[in-house]
Structure formats: structure tokens, C-alpha cells
Amino acid sequence: MSKTYRSKEQWIELIQAHKESGLTAAAFCRQQGINAKYFSKRQKDFGFRSSTKNEFIQVKVDKPLHRTVMSLNTGHGQIEFNTWPDPDYVHQLLQALR
């Protein structure tokens, strides 16, 4: 992967494109040929991610005989999954619900 200089405006365009893509950050970065850790850093640098705010959410996990169910209490309601979702998806979902 060669190093590419991007202006602040170009990074913001990439970050917006990621938000609109519906992809996880890892998948988006692979697709764009961007280092995922550096992409995350640039998101924080430009105020798209909080670097100091650590929050805990209540998670309830039920294990029926035939499948795993994950239930998230978002504070605004409950979201249930029939299968284990991708952790990046859950993170993006919770960010969108803020």
C-alpha cells in the first residue's frame, strides 16, 4: 500500500462516503485501500468519533436450543437479533442511535 496524501476535505469526503456506504469501517477501508487504524484516527481528528467517551450499554443474551439471540437495550427501546451480528455493525448501529 503506497502512502497517499489527503487534505482535510478529502478525508471528510471519505468519512462521509463510509457513512453512506453501509459498510463496516474495516470493509470500507479494504475496498478503498486505506489503513483501517489510520482511518479511525482521522475520524477522531475531525470530530466524527469520540476518542475519550467510554460508555457501557446493557446487553442481554439468550441462548435457545436452536439459535443464539442477542438483545440490545438502547435506552430508546430494544433491538433483537436472531443471530450474532458483526461487532462493527453493532457499533455503527449504536453510533447512529445516539
Protein backbone atom coordinates (compact mmCIF):
# COMPACT_ATOMS: atom_id res chain seq x y z
CA MET A 1 0.00 0.00 0.00
CA SER A 2 1.59 3.28 -1.04
CA LYS A 3 1.24 6.40 1.07
CA THR A 4 -1.25 8.91 -0.27
CA TYR A 5 -1.58 12.47 0.98
CA ARG A 6 -5.16 13.55 1.52
CA SER A 7 -6.34 17.01 2.51
CA LYS A 8 -8.76 17.53 5.39
CA GLU A 9 -11.56 17.97 2.84
CA GLN A 10 -10.67 14.68 1.13
CA TRP A 11 -10.69 12.84 4.48
CA ILE A 12 -14.08 14.32 5.35
CA GLU A 13 -15.41 13.21 1.94
CA LEU A 14 -14.09 9.69 2.59
CA ILE A 15 -15.61 9.61 6.06
CA GLN A 16 -18.97 10.74 4.66
CA ALA A 17 -18.70 8.14 1.87
CA HIS A 18 -18.11 5.49 4.53
CA LYS A 19 -21.21 6.59 6.46
CA GLU A 20 -23.31 6.43 3.30
CA SER A 21 -21.85 3.10 2.16
CA GLY A 22 -23.48 0.98 4.87
CA LEU A 23 -20.22 -0.98 5.12
CA THR A 24 -18.27 -1.63 8.27
CA ALA A 25 -15.20 0.57 8.64
CA ALA A 26 -12.96 -2.46 8.03
CA ALA A 27 -14.77 -3.42 4.81
CA PHE A 28 -14.83 0.18 3.57
CA CYS A 29 -11.10 0.59 4.24
CA ARG A 30 -10.29 -2.67 2.44
CA GLN A 31 -12.37 -1.51 -0.53
CA GLN A 32 -10.65 1.90 -0.61
CA GLY A 33 -7.14 0.61 0.15
CA ILE A 34 -6.97 2.62 3.38
CA ASN A 35 -5.33 1.55 6.63
CA ALA A 36 -8.29 1.00 9.00
CA LYS A 37 -6.44 2.21 12.11
CA TYR A 38 -5.39 5.42 10.36
CA PHE A 39 -8.93 5.90 9.04
CA SER A 40 -10.23 5.63 12.62
CA LYS A 41 -7.62 8.15 13.76
CA ARG A 42 -8.67 10.62 11.06
CA GLN A 43 -12.33 10.19 12.08
CA LYS A 44 -11.36 11.15 15.62
CA ASP A 45 -9.13 14.00 14.42
CA PHE A 46 -12.05 15.57 12.53
CA GLY A 47 -14.63 15.04 15.27
CA PHE A 48 -16.51 12.11 13.76
CA ARG A 49 -15.67 9.79 16.65
CA SER A 50 -15.23 10.44 20.33
CA SER A 51 -11.79 9.39 21.49
CA THR A 52 -12.41 9.81 25.23
CA LYS A 53 -16.02 8.81 25.80
CA ASN A 54 -16.40 5.24 27.00
CA GLU A 55 -19.96 4.12 27.54
CA PHE A 56 -21.44 0.84 28.59
CA ILE A 57 -24.71 -0.44 27.26
CA GLN A 58 -26.92 -3.14 28.69
CA VAL A 59 -26.77 -6.33 26.63
CA LYS A 60 -28.99 -9.33 27.26
CA VAL A 61 -28.08 -12.66 25.66
CA ASP A 62 -30.50 -15.58 25.46
CA LYS A 63 -29.38 -18.97 24.20
CA PRO A 64 -32.35 -21.00 22.95
CA LEU A 65 -31.69 -24.61 21.94
CA HIS A 66 -31.60 -23.93 18.19
CA ARG A 67 -30.11 -20.41 17.91
CA THR A 68 -28.42 -17.54 19.72
CA VAL A 69 -30.37 -14.35 20.29
CA MET A 70 -28.80 -11.04 21.23
CA SER A 71 -30.95 -8.26 22.65
CA LEU A 72 -29.75 -4.64 22.98
CA ASN A 73 -31.48 -2.18 25.28
CA THR A 74 -30.68 1.15 23.60
CA GLY A 75 -32.40 3.37 26.15
CA HIS A 76 -35.00 4.16 23.48
CA GLY A 77 -36.21 0.62 23.02
CA GLN A 78 -34.96 -2.88 22.45
CA ILE A 79 -33.35 -4.44 19.36
CA GLU A 80 -33.21 -8.20 19.00
CA PHE A 81 -31.06 -10.31 16.65
CA ASN A 82 -31.73 -13.91 15.61
CA THR A 83 -28.01 -14.49 15.03
CA TRP A 84 -24.85 -12.88 16.33
CA PRO A 85 -24.34 -9.62 14.41
CA ASP A 86 -20.96 -8.35 13.28
CA PRO A 87 -19.46 -6.27 16.15
CA ASP A 88 -18.64 -3.42 13.73
CA TYR A 89 -22.31 -3.36 12.67
CA VAL A 90 -23.47 -3.17 16.30
CA HIS A 91 -21.00 -0.34 16.94
CA GLN A 92 -22.23 1.59 13.87
CA LEU A 93 -25.85 0.96 14.84
CA LEU A 94 -25.31 2.32 18.33
CA GLN A 95 -23.45 5.35 16.95
CA ALA A 96 -26.39 6.06 14.64
CA LEU A 97 -28.86 5.81 17.53
CA ARG A 98 -27.08 8.49 19.56
